[in-house]
Amino acid sequence: MHHQQDTTIVLRLRDQDPSAYDALYLKYYRLLCVSAFYFLRNEQEAKDLVQNLFLDIWDKKLFLQFHDDVKGYLFRAVKNRCLNHLEKQQTQSRHRKQFAVLQEEYSHPAAGHQPETYDELYHALDEIPAQKRAAIQFVYLNGKRYSEAASTMGISINSLKTHLKTGLRILRGEIKTKTD
């Protein structure tokens, strides 16, 4: 019975019937929120993630990818989005820690010099080449994923990684030069 209802909803979605979208939302929203909460352990993040999934279903016409098992598709989509969200959080946390280490190195120089403010760190950042600076700012300061930063910069992910690696090396050199 549920499978027939889902099949009917999908057919109506493909006909661009907004009431079918409402039916799908009402049928699965709460269940998907519970599933997302299981992964995220944050009620608001779970609700936001499920809401975004439903927005994408309509806006990006994800319903065209529905086949026999709509419920299975929705739960897999929520699970994948949750795992991606958690991975993004871990990446952002790792980047913040790496940048904090860089700030700590700068705020406690070995030679006994004390920088006046973090403005000096940002000034050192301004001294490195533009592409490398942009890569550092997008990833470490703005918390963008590699793919987002690379897309924004119009380069490949591998090029972005190279810019980050050499940019951080240059930045450390700039900081070390100023503190010596």
N, C-alpha and C. Protein backbone atom coordinates (compact mmCIF):
# COMPACT_ATOMS: atom_id res chain seq x y z
N MET A 1 0.82 -1.19 0.00
CA MET A 1 0.00 0.00 0.00
C MET A 1 0.87 1.27 0.00
N HIS A 2 1.86 1.29 0.90
CA HIS A 2 2.73 2.46 0.96
C HIS A 2 3.53 2.63 -0.33
N HIS A 3 3.92 1.50 -0.89
CA HIS A 3 4.68 1.55 -2.14
C HIS A 3 3.82 2.16 -3.25
N GLN A 4 2.55 1.78 -3.30
CA GLN A 4 1.64 2.34 -4.31
C GLN A 4 1.45 3.83 -4.09
N GLN A 5 1.32 4.25 -2.83
CA GLN A 5 1.18 5.67 -2.54
C GLN A 5 2.42 6.43 -3.01
N ASP A 6 3.60 5.87 -2.74
CA ASP A 6 4.84 6.52 -3.16
C ASP A 6 4.93 6.61 -4.68
N THR A 7 4.55 5.54 -5.35
CA THR A 7 4.57 5.54 -6.81
C THR A 7 3.64 6.61 -7.36
N THR A 8 2.48 6.73 -6.77
CA THR A 8 1.52 7.76 -7.19
C THR A 8 2.08 9.16 -6.94
N ILE A 9 2.71 9.35 -5.79
CA ILE A 9 3.30 10.65 -5.47
C ILE A 9 4.40 10.99 -6.48
N VAL A 10 5.22 10.01 -6.82
CA VAL A 10 6.31 10.26 -7.78
C VAL A 10 5.75 10.63 -9.14
N LEU A 11 4.74 9.93 -9.58
CA LEU A 11 4.13 10.25 -10.87
C LEU A 11 3.56 11.67 -10.87
N ARG A 12 2.93 12.04 -9.76
CA ARG A 12 2.39 13.40 -9.66
C ARG A 12 3.51 14.44 -9.59
N LEU A 13 4.60 14.11 -8.93
CA LEU A 13 5.75 15.02 -8.88
C LEU A 13 6.30 15.26 -10.30
N ARG A 14 6.39 14.20 -11.05
CA ARG A 14 6.91 14.31 -12.41
C ARG A 14 5.99 15.15 -13.29
N ASP A 15 4.72 15.24 -12.89
CA ASP A 15 3.78 16.12 -13.59
C ASP A 15 3.78 17.53 -13.00
N GLN A 16 4.76 17.79 -12.13
CA GLN A 16 4.91 19.12 -11.50
C GLN A 16 3.74 19.49 -10.60
N ASP A 17 3.16 18.52 -9.94
CA ASP A 17 2.01 18.74 -9.04
C ASP A 17 2.53 19.13 -7.65
N PRO A 18 2.35 20.39 -7.26
CA PRO A 18 2.83 20.84 -5.94
C PRO A 18 2.19 20.09 -4.78
N SER A 19 0.97 19.64 -4.94
CA SER A 19 0.32 18.91 -3.84
C SER A 19 1.01 17.56 -3.60
N ALA A 20 1.63 17.00 -4.63
CA ALA A 20 2.38 15.76 -4.46
C ALA A 20 3.62 16.01 -3.62
N TYR A 21 4.24 17.16 -3.83
CA TYR A 21 5.40 17.56 -3.03
C TYR A 21 4.98 17.69 -1.56
N ASP A 22 3.84 18.32 -1.33
CA ASP A 22 3.32 18.47 0.03
C ASP A 22 3.05 17.11 0.66
N ALA A 23 2.49 16.20 -0.10
CA ALA A 23 2.19 14.86 0.41
C ALA A 23 3.47 14.13 0.79
N LEU A 24 4.49 14.23 -0.06
CA LEU A 24 5.77 13.60 0.22
C LEU A 24 6.38 14.19 1.49
N TYR A 25 6.33 15.50 1.60
CA TYR A 25 6.88 16.21 2.76
C TYR A 25 6.17 15.77 4.04
N LEU A 26 4.85 15.79 4.02
CA LEU A 26 4.08 15.41 5.21
C LEU A 26 4.30 13.95 5.60
N LYS A 27 4.48 13.11 4.61
CA LYS A 27 4.64 11.69 4.88
C LYS A 27 6.00 11.36 5.50
N TYR A 28 7.08 12.05 5.05
CA TYR A 28 8.42 11.63 5.45
C TYR A 28 9.20 12.63 6.30
N TYR A 29 8.77 13.86 6.42
CA TYR A 29 9.56 14.88 7.11
C TYR A 29 9.97 14.45 8.52
N ARG A 30 9.02 14.08 9.33
CA ARG A 30 9.35 13.72 10.73
C ARG A 30 10.27 12.51 10.82
N LEU A 31 9.99 11.49 10.04
CA LEU A 31 10.84 10.30 10.05
C LEU A 31 12.27 10.64 9.64
N LEU A 32 12.40 11.49 8.64
CA LEU A 32 13.73 11.87 8.18
C LEU A 32 14.46 12.73 9.21
N CYS A 33 13.71 13.57 9.92
CA CYS A 33 14.32 14.38 10.99
C CYS A 33 14.87 13.49 12.10
N VAL A 34 14.12 12.46 12.45
CA VAL A 34 14.58 11.51 13.48
C VAL A 34 15.85 10.81 12.99
N SER A 35 15.86 10.41 11.74
CA SER A 35 17.03 9.76 11.17
C SER A 35 18.24 10.70 11.18
N ALA A 36 18.03 11.93 10.79
CA ALA A 36 19.13 12.91 10.78
C ALA A 36 19.62 13.19 12.19
N PHE A 37 18.70 13.26 13.14
CA PHE A 37 19.09 13.50 14.53
C PHE A 37 19.96 12.38 15.06
N TYR A 38 19.68 11.15 14.64
CA TYR A 38 20.49 10.00 15.04
C TYR A 38 21.97 10.23 14.71
N PHE A 39 22.24 10.83 13.56
CA PHE A 39 23.62 11.10 13.15
C PHE A 39 24.18 12.38 13.76
N LEU A 40 23.39 13.43 13.73
CA LEU A 40 23.90 14.76 14.07
C LEU A 40 23.81 15.10 15.56
N ARG A 41 22.87 14.49 16.25
CA ARG A 41 22.66 14.76 17.68
C ARG A 41 22.38 16.24 17.95
N ASN A 42 21.77 16.90 16.98
CA ASN A 42 21.40 18.30 17.11
C ASN A 42 20.08 18.47 16.37
N GLU A 43 19.03 18.79 17.13
CA GLU A 43 17.69 18.83 16.55
C GLU A 43 17.57 19.87 15.43
N GLN A 44 18.10 21.07 15.67
CA GLN A 44 17.96 22.13 14.67
C GLN A 44 18.74 21.81 13.39
N GLU A 45 19.95 21.28 13.55
CA GLU A 45 20.74 20.90 12.37
C GLU A 45 20.02 19.79 11.60
N ALA A 46 19.42 18.85 12.32
CA ALA A 46 18.69 17.75 11.67
C ALA A 46 17.51 18.31 10.87
N LYS A 47 16.74 19.20 11.49
CA LYS A 47 15.60 19.79 10.79
C LYS A 47 16.05 20.60 9.57
N ASP A 48 17.12 21.38 9.72
CA ASP A 48 17.63 22.18 8.60
C ASP A 48 18.09 21.29 7.45
N LEU A 49 18.78 20.22 7.79
CA LEU A 49 19.29 19.31 6.76
C LEU A 49 18.13 18.67 5.99
N VAL A 50 17.11 18.21 6.70
CA VAL A 50 15.96 17.58 6.04
C VAL A 50 15.20 18.63 5.21
N GLN A 51 15.05 19.81 5.76
CA GLN A 51 14.38 20.89 5.02
C GLN A 51 15.12 21.18 3.71
N ASN A 52 16.45 21.24 3.78
CA ASN A 52 17.24 21.48 2.56
C ASN A 52 17.10 20.35 1.56
N LEU A 53 16.99 19.12 2.07
CA LEU A 53 16.76 17.99 1.16
C LEU A 53 15.45 18.18 0.41
N PHE A 54 14.40 18.54 1.13
CA PHE A 54 13.10 18.72 0.47
C PHE A 54 13.14 19.90 -0.51
N LEU A 55 13.87 20.95 -0.17
CA LEU A 55 14.02 22.06 -1.11
C LEU A 55 14.71 21.60 -2.39
N ASP A 56 15.76 20.79 -2.21
CA ASP A 56 16.48 20.28 -3.38
C ASP A 56 15.63 19.32 -4.20
N ILE A 57 14.79 18.55 -3.53
CA ILE A 57 13.91 17.63 -4.25
C ILE A 57 13.05 18.41 -5.24
N TRP A 58 12.54 19.54 -4.81
CA TRP A 58 11.69 20.33 -5.70
C TRP A 58 12.51 21.20 -6.64
N ASP A 59 13.47 21.99 -6.10
CA ASP A 59 14.22 22.95 -6.90
C ASP A 59 15.15 22.28 -7.92
N LYS A 60 15.82 21.23 -7.50
CA LYS A 60 16.77 20.55 -8.38
C LYS A 60 16.16 19.33 -9.05
N LYS A 61 14.87 19.16 -8.84
CA LYS A 61 14.12 18.06 -9.45
C LYS A 61 14.72 16.69 -9.13
N LEU A 62 15.14 16.53 -7.87
CA LEU A 62 15.69 15.25 -7.45
C LEU A 62 14.66 14.13 -7.53
N PHE A 63 13.38 14.49 -7.55
CA PHE A 63 12.33 13.47 -7.65
C PHE A 63 12.46 12.68 -8.94
N LEU A 64 13.16 13.21 -9.93
CA LEU A 64 13.37 12.47 -11.18
C LEU A 64 14.27 11.25 -10.96
N GLN A 65 15.00 11.27 -9.83
CA GLN A 65 15.88 10.14 -9.50
C GLN A 65 15.16 9.07 -8.68
N PHE A 66 13.91 9.35 -8.27
CA PHE A 66 13.13 8.38 -7.52
C PHE A 66 12.75 7.25 -8.47
N HIS A 67 12.91 6.04 -7.99
CA HIS A 67 12.48 4.89 -8.79
C HIS A 67 11.51 4.06 -7.94
N ASP A 68 11.87 2.86 -7.64
CA ASP A 68 10.95 1.98 -6.92
C ASP A 68 10.86 2.30 -5.42
N ASP A 69 11.98 2.59 -4.79
CA ASP A 69 12.02 2.72 -3.34
C ASP A 69 12.24 4.18 -2.93
N VAL A 70 11.17 4.95 -2.88
CA VAL A 70 11.26 6.37 -2.53
C VAL A 70 11.75 6.53 -1.10
N LYS A 71 11.18 5.75 -0.20
CA LYS A 71 11.57 5.82 1.21
C LYS A 71 13.07 5.53 1.36
N GLY A 72 13.53 4.50 0.71
CA GLY A 72 14.95 4.15 0.76
C GLY A 72 15.83 5.27 0.22
N TYR A 73 15.40 5.86 -0.90
CA TYR A 73 16.14 6.98 -1.49
C TYR A 73 16.25 8.13 -0.49
N LEU A 74 15.13 8.48 0.13
CA LEU A 74 15.12 9.61 1.07
C LEU A 74 16.01 9.35 2.28
N PHE A 75 15.96 8.15 2.82
CA PHE A 75 16.78 7.84 3.99
C PHE A 75 18.26 7.78 3.63
N ARG A 76 18.59 7.26 2.45
CA ARG A 76 19.99 7.26 2.00
C ARG A 76 20.48 8.70 1.79
N ALA A 77 19.61 9.53 1.22
CA ALA A 77 19.97 10.92 0.98
C ALA A 77 20.24 11.64 2.30
N VAL A 78 19.39 11.40 3.29
CA VAL A 78 19.59 12.03 4.60
C VAL A 78 20.88 11.52 5.23
N LYS A 79 21.09 10.22 5.18
CA LYS A 79 22.31 9.65 5.75
C LYS A 79 23.55 10.25 5.09
N ASN A 80 23.56 10.31 3.77
CA ASN A 80 24.71 10.86 3.05
C ASN A 80 24.92 12.33 3.38
N ARG A 81 23.84 13.09 3.45
CA ARG A 81 23.95 14.51 3.79
C ARG A 81 24.46 14.69 5.22
N CYS A 82 24.02 13.85 6.11
CA CYS A 82 24.51 13.91 7.50
C CYS A 82 26.00 13.61 7.56
N LEU A 83 26.41 12.56 6.88
CA LEU A 83 27.83 12.20 6.88
C LEU A 83 28.67 13.31 6.25
N ASN A 84 28.18 13.91 5.17
CA ASN A 84 28.89 15.03 4.55
C ASN A 84 28.95 16.22 5.50
N HIS A 85 27.87 16.49 6.19
CA HIS A 85 27.82 17.59 7.15
C HIS A 85 28.83 17.37 8.28
N LEU A 86 28.87 16.15 8.81
CA LEU A 86 29.82 15.84 9.89
C LEU A 86 31.26 15.94 9.40
N GLU A 87 31.50 15.48 8.19
CA GLU A 87 32.85 15.58 7.61
C GLU A 87 33.25 17.04 7.44
N LYS A 88 32.31 17.86 6.98
CA LYS A 88 32.59 19.28 6.82
C LYS A 88 32.91 19.93 8.16
N GLN A 89 32.15 19.57 9.20
CA GLN A 89 32.41 20.10 10.53
C GLN A 89 33.80 19.71 11.02
N GLN A 90 34.18 18.44 10.79
CA GLN A 90 35.50 17.98 11.21
C GLN A 90 36.60 18.72 10.44
N THR A 91 36.39 18.93 9.16
CA THR A 91 37.37 19.64 8.35
C THR A 91 37.51 21.08 8.82
N GLN A 92 36.39 21.74 9.08
CA GLN A 92 36.45 23.12 9.56
C GLN A 92 37.14 23.19 10.91
N SER A 93 36.86 22.24 11.78
CA SER A 93 37.51 22.22 13.09
C SER A 93 39.01 22.02 12.94
N ARG A 94 39.40 21.12 12.06
CA ARG A 94 40.83 20.88 11.82
C ARG A 94 41.51 22.14 11.26
N HIS A 95 40.83 22.83 10.35
CA HIS A 95 41.40 24.05 9.78
C HIS A 95 41.52 25.14 10.83
N ARG A 96 40.50 25.27 11.68
CA ARG A 96 40.58 26.27 12.75
C ARG A 96 41.74 25.97 13.68
N LYS A 97 41.94 24.68 14.00
CA LYS A 97 43.05 24.30 14.88
C LYS A 97 44.38 24.61 14.22
N GLN A 98 44.50 24.31 12.93
CA GLN A 98 45.75 24.59 12.22
C GLN A 98 46.04 26.08 12.19
N PHE A 99 45.00 26.87 11.98
CA PHE A 99 45.19 28.32 11.94
C PHE A 99 45.50 28.84 13.34
N ALA A 100 44.87 28.25 14.35
CA ALA A 100 45.15 28.65 15.74
C ALA A 100 46.60 28.36 16.10
N VAL A 101 47.12 27.23 15.62
CA VAL A 101 48.53 26.91 15.86
C VAL A 101 49.42 27.96 15.21
N LEU A 102 49.07 28.35 13.99
CA LEU A 102 49.82 29.38 13.29
C LEU A 102 49.75 30.70 14.06
N GLN A 103 48.58 31.05 14.56
CA GLN A 103 48.44 32.27 15.35
C GLN A 103 49.24 32.17 16.64
N GLU A 104 49.22 31.00 17.27
CA GLU A 104 49.96 30.79 18.51
C GLU A 104 51.46 30.92 18.27
N GLU A 105 51.94 30.34 17.18
CA GLU A 105 53.36 30.47 16.84
C GLU A 105 53.73 31.94 16.68
N TYR A 106 52.82 32.68 16.09
CA TYR A 106 53.08 34.09 15.83
C TYR A 106 52.98 34.93 17.10
N SER A 107 52.07 34.60 17.98
CA SER A 107 51.89 35.42 19.18
C SER A 107 52.90 35.12 20.27
N HIS A 108 53.64 34.03 20.13
CA HIS A 108 54.67 33.69 21.11
C HIS A 108 55.99 33.39 20.40
N PRO A 109 56.60 34.38 19.79
CA PRO A 109 57.84 34.15 19.07
C PRO A 109 58.98 33.78 20.01
N ALA A 110 59.90 32.99 19.49
CA ALA A 110 61.00 32.46 20.30
C ALA A 110 62.00 33.53 20.71
N ALA A 111 62.22 34.54 19.92
CA ALA A 111 63.26 35.53 20.18
C ALA A 111 62.86 36.56 21.23
N GLY A 112 61.71 36.39 21.87
CA GLY A 112 61.30 37.32 22.91
C GLY A 112 60.58 38.54 22.38
N HIS A 113 60.37 38.64 21.08
CA HIS A 113 59.62 39.76 20.51
C HIS A 113 58.14 39.45 20.66
N GLN A 114 57.37 40.41 21.06
CA GLN A 114 55.92 40.24 21.16
C GLN A 114 55.25 41.06 20.08
N PRO A 115 54.49 40.43 19.21
CA PRO A 115 53.77 41.23 18.22
C PRO A 115 52.69 42.05 18.91
N GLU A 116 52.42 43.23 18.39
CA GLU A 116 51.44 44.09 19.04
C GLU A 116 50.02 43.56 18.89
N THR A 117 49.67 43.10 17.73
CA THR A 117 48.31 42.61 17.49
C THR A 117 48.33 41.53 16.43
N TYR A 118 47.18 40.94 16.27
CA TYR A 118 47.04 39.96 15.19
C TYR A 118 47.04 40.64 13.83
N ASP A 119 46.95 41.96 13.84
CA ASP A 119 47.02 42.68 12.57
C ASP A 119 48.31 42.35 11.84
N GLU A 120 49.37 42.10 12.59
CA GLU A 120 50.65 41.74 11.97
C GLU A 120 50.54 40.40 11.23
N LEU A 121 49.78 39.48 11.82
CA LEU A 121 49.57 38.20 11.14
C LEU A 121 48.85 38.42 9.82
N TYR A 122 47.82 39.24 9.86
CA TYR A 122 47.07 39.51 8.63
C TYR A 122 47.91 40.33 7.65
N HIS A 123 48.79 41.17 8.17
CA HIS A 123 49.69 41.91 7.29
C HIS A 123 50.64 40.93 6.60
N ALA A 124 51.14 39.95 7.36
CA ALA A 124 52.01 38.92 6.76
C ALA A 124 51.23 38.14 5.70
N LEU A 125 49.96 37.90 5.96
CA LEU A 125 49.12 37.21 4.99
C LEU A 125 49.00 38.03 3.70
N ASP A 126 48.93 39.36 3.86
CA ASP A 126 48.84 40.25 2.69
C ASP A 126 50.11 40.22 1.84
N GLU A 127 51.22 39.80 2.43
CA GLU A 127 52.51 39.80 1.73
C GLU A 127 52.70 38.60 0.81
N ILE A 128 51.89 37.56 0.97
CA ILE A 128 52.09 36.38 0.13
C ILE A 128 51.33 36.55 -1.17
N PRO A 129 51.70 35.81 -2.22
CA PRO A 129 51.05 35.94 -3.53
C PRO A 129 49.52 35.75 -3.45
N ALA A 130 48.82 36.42 -4.34
CA ALA A 130 47.35 36.52 -4.31
C ALA A 130 46.65 35.16 -4.31
N GLN A 131 47.04 34.25 -5.18
CA GLN A 131 46.36 32.95 -5.26
C GLN A 131 46.54 32.16 -3.96
N LYS A 132 47.74 32.20 -3.41
CA LYS A 132 48.01 31.48 -2.18
C LYS A 132 47.26 32.12 -1.01
N ARG A 133 47.22 33.43 -0.99
CA ARG A 133 46.49 34.17 0.05
C ARG A 133 44.99 33.83 -0.04
N ALA A 134 44.45 33.86 -1.26
CA ALA A 134 43.03 33.56 -1.44
C ALA A 134 42.71 32.14 -0.97
N ALA A 135 43.58 31.19 -1.30
CA ALA A 135 43.37 29.80 -0.89
C ALA A 135 43.32 29.70 0.63
N ILE A 136 44.27 30.34 1.31
CA ILE A 136 44.31 30.31 2.77
C ILE A 136 43.06 30.98 3.35
N GLN A 137 42.68 32.11 2.80
CA GLN A 137 41.51 32.81 3.32
C GLN A 137 40.23 31.99 3.13
N PHE A 138 40.04 31.42 1.94
CA PHE A 138 38.82 30.63 1.70
C PHE A 138 38.74 29.43 2.63
N VAL A 139 39.84 28.69 2.75
CA VAL A 139 39.81 27.43 3.48
C VAL A 139 39.93 27.64 4.99
N TYR A 140 40.95 28.40 5.42
CA TYR A 140 41.21 28.51 6.85
C TYR A 140 40.42 29.61 7.55
N LEU A 141 40.15 30.70 6.88
CA LEU A 141 39.45 31.80 7.53
C LEU A 141 37.95 31.77 7.28
N ASN A 142 37.54 31.36 6.08
CA ASN A 142 36.11 31.34 5.74
C ASN A 142 35.48 29.96 5.90
N GLY A 143 36.31 28.94 6.14
CA GLY A 143 35.78 27.60 6.39
C GLY A 143 35.18 26.91 5.18
N LYS A 144 35.59 27.30 3.99
CA LYS A 144 35.05 26.65 2.79
C LYS A 144 35.71 25.29 2.58
N ARG A 145 34.97 24.39 1.96
CA ARG A 145 35.53 23.09 1.59
C ARG A 145 36.50 23.31 0.43
N TYR A 146 37.40 22.36 0.26
CA TYR A 146 38.35 22.45 -0.84
C TYR A 146 37.63 22.63 -2.17
N SER A 147 36.57 21.84 -2.37
CA SER A 147 35.85 21.89 -3.65
C SER A 147 35.22 23.26 -3.86
N GLU A 148 34.64 23.85 -2.79
CA GLU A 148 34.03 25.17 -2.90
C GLU A 148 35.08 26.24 -3.20
N ALA A 149 36.19 26.18 -2.47
CA ALA A 149 37.25 27.17 -2.65
C ALA A 149 37.85 27.06 -4.06
N ALA A 150 38.10 25.84 -4.50
CA ALA A 150 38.67 25.64 -5.83
C ALA A 150 37.73 26.15 -6.91
N SER A 151 36.44 25.86 -6.75
CA SER A 151 35.45 26.32 -7.72
C SER A 151 35.39 27.85 -7.75
N THR A 152 35.37 28.46 -6.58
CA THR A 152 35.33 29.93 -6.50
C THR A 152 36.56 30.55 -7.16
N MET A 153 37.71 29.91 -6.96
CA MET A 153 38.96 30.43 -7.51
C MET A 153 39.15 30.05 -8.98
N GLY A 154 38.35 29.11 -9.46
CA GLY A 154 38.47 28.67 -10.85
C GLY A 154 39.68 27.78 -11.11
N ILE A 155 40.06 26.99 -10.10
CA ILE A 155 41.21 26.09 -10.22
C ILE A 155 40.80 24.69 -9.78
N SER A 156 41.68 23.73 -10.01
CA SER A 156 41.40 22.36 -9.58
C SER A 156 41.68 22.22 -8.08
N ILE A 157 41.17 21.16 -7.50
CA ILE A 157 41.38 20.91 -6.08
C ILE A 157 42.87 20.67 -5.81
N ASN A 158 43.54 19.98 -6.70
CA ASN A 158 44.97 19.75 -6.51
C ASN A 158 45.76 21.05 -6.56
N SER A 159 45.38 21.96 -7.44
CA SER A 159 46.04 23.26 -7.48
C SER A 159 45.78 24.01 -6.19
N LEU A 160 44.57 23.94 -5.68
CA LEU A 160 44.24 24.59 -4.41
C LEU A 160 45.13 24.04 -3.29
N LYS A 161 45.26 22.72 -3.22
CA LYS A 161 46.09 22.11 -2.19
C LYS A 161 47.54 22.58 -2.30
N THR A 162 48.03 22.70 -3.51
CA THR A 162 49.38 23.20 -3.72
C THR A 162 49.51 24.64 -3.24
N HIS A 163 48.52 25.48 -3.57
CA HIS A 163 48.53 26.87 -3.12
C HIS A 163 48.50 26.95 -1.59
N LEU A 164 47.71 26.08 -0.96
CA LEU A 164 47.64 26.08 0.50
C LEU A 164 48.98 25.69 1.11
N LYS A 165 49.56 24.63 0.60
CA LYS A 165 50.83 24.14 1.15
C LYS A 165 51.93 25.18 1.00
N THR A 166 52.09 25.72 -0.18
CA THR A 166 53.16 26.71 -0.38
C THR A 166 52.82 28.03 0.30
N GLY A 167 51.53 28.38 0.34
CA GLY A 167 51.12 29.62 1.00
C GLY A 167 51.41 29.59 2.49
N LEU A 168 51.12 28.46 3.14
CA LEU A 168 51.41 28.33 4.56
C LEU A 168 52.91 28.35 4.82
N ARG A 169 53.67 27.72 3.94
CA ARG A 169 55.13 27.73 4.10
C ARG A 169 55.66 29.16 4.00
N ILE A 170 55.17 29.92 3.01
CA ILE A 170 55.59 31.31 2.84
C ILE A 170 55.14 32.14 4.04
N LEU A 171 53.92 31.92 4.50
CA LEU A 171 53.39 32.67 5.64
C LEU A 171 54.22 32.41 6.89
N ARG A 172 54.57 31.17 7.12
CA ARG A 172 55.44 30.86 8.27
C ARG A 172 56.79 31.55 8.12
N GLY A 173 57.31 31.57 6.91
CA GLY A 173 58.59 32.25 6.66
C GLY A 173 58.47 33.75 6.93
N GLU A 174 57.36 34.37 6.49
CA GLU A 174 57.12 35.80 6.73
C GLU A 174 57.06 36.09 8.22
N ILE A 175 56.36 35.23 8.93
CA ILE A 175 56.21 35.43 10.38
C ILE A 175 57.55 35.26 11.07
N LYS A 176 58.28 34.24 10.67
CA LYS A 176 59.58 33.99 11.29
C LYS A 176 60.53 35.15 11.03
N THR A 177 60.53 35.69 9.81
CA THR A 177 61.38 36.82 9.45
C THR A 177 61.06 38.04 10.30
N LYS A 178 59.78 38.29 10.53
CA LYS A 178 59.37 39.47 11.30
C LYS A 178 59.68 39.31 12.78
N THR A 179 59.73 38.06 13.27
CA THR A 179 59.97 37.87 14.70
C THR A 179 61.45 37.73 15.01
N ASP A 180 62.28 37.50 14.02
CA ASP A 180 63.73 37.36 14.27
C ASP A 180 64.41 38.69 14.42
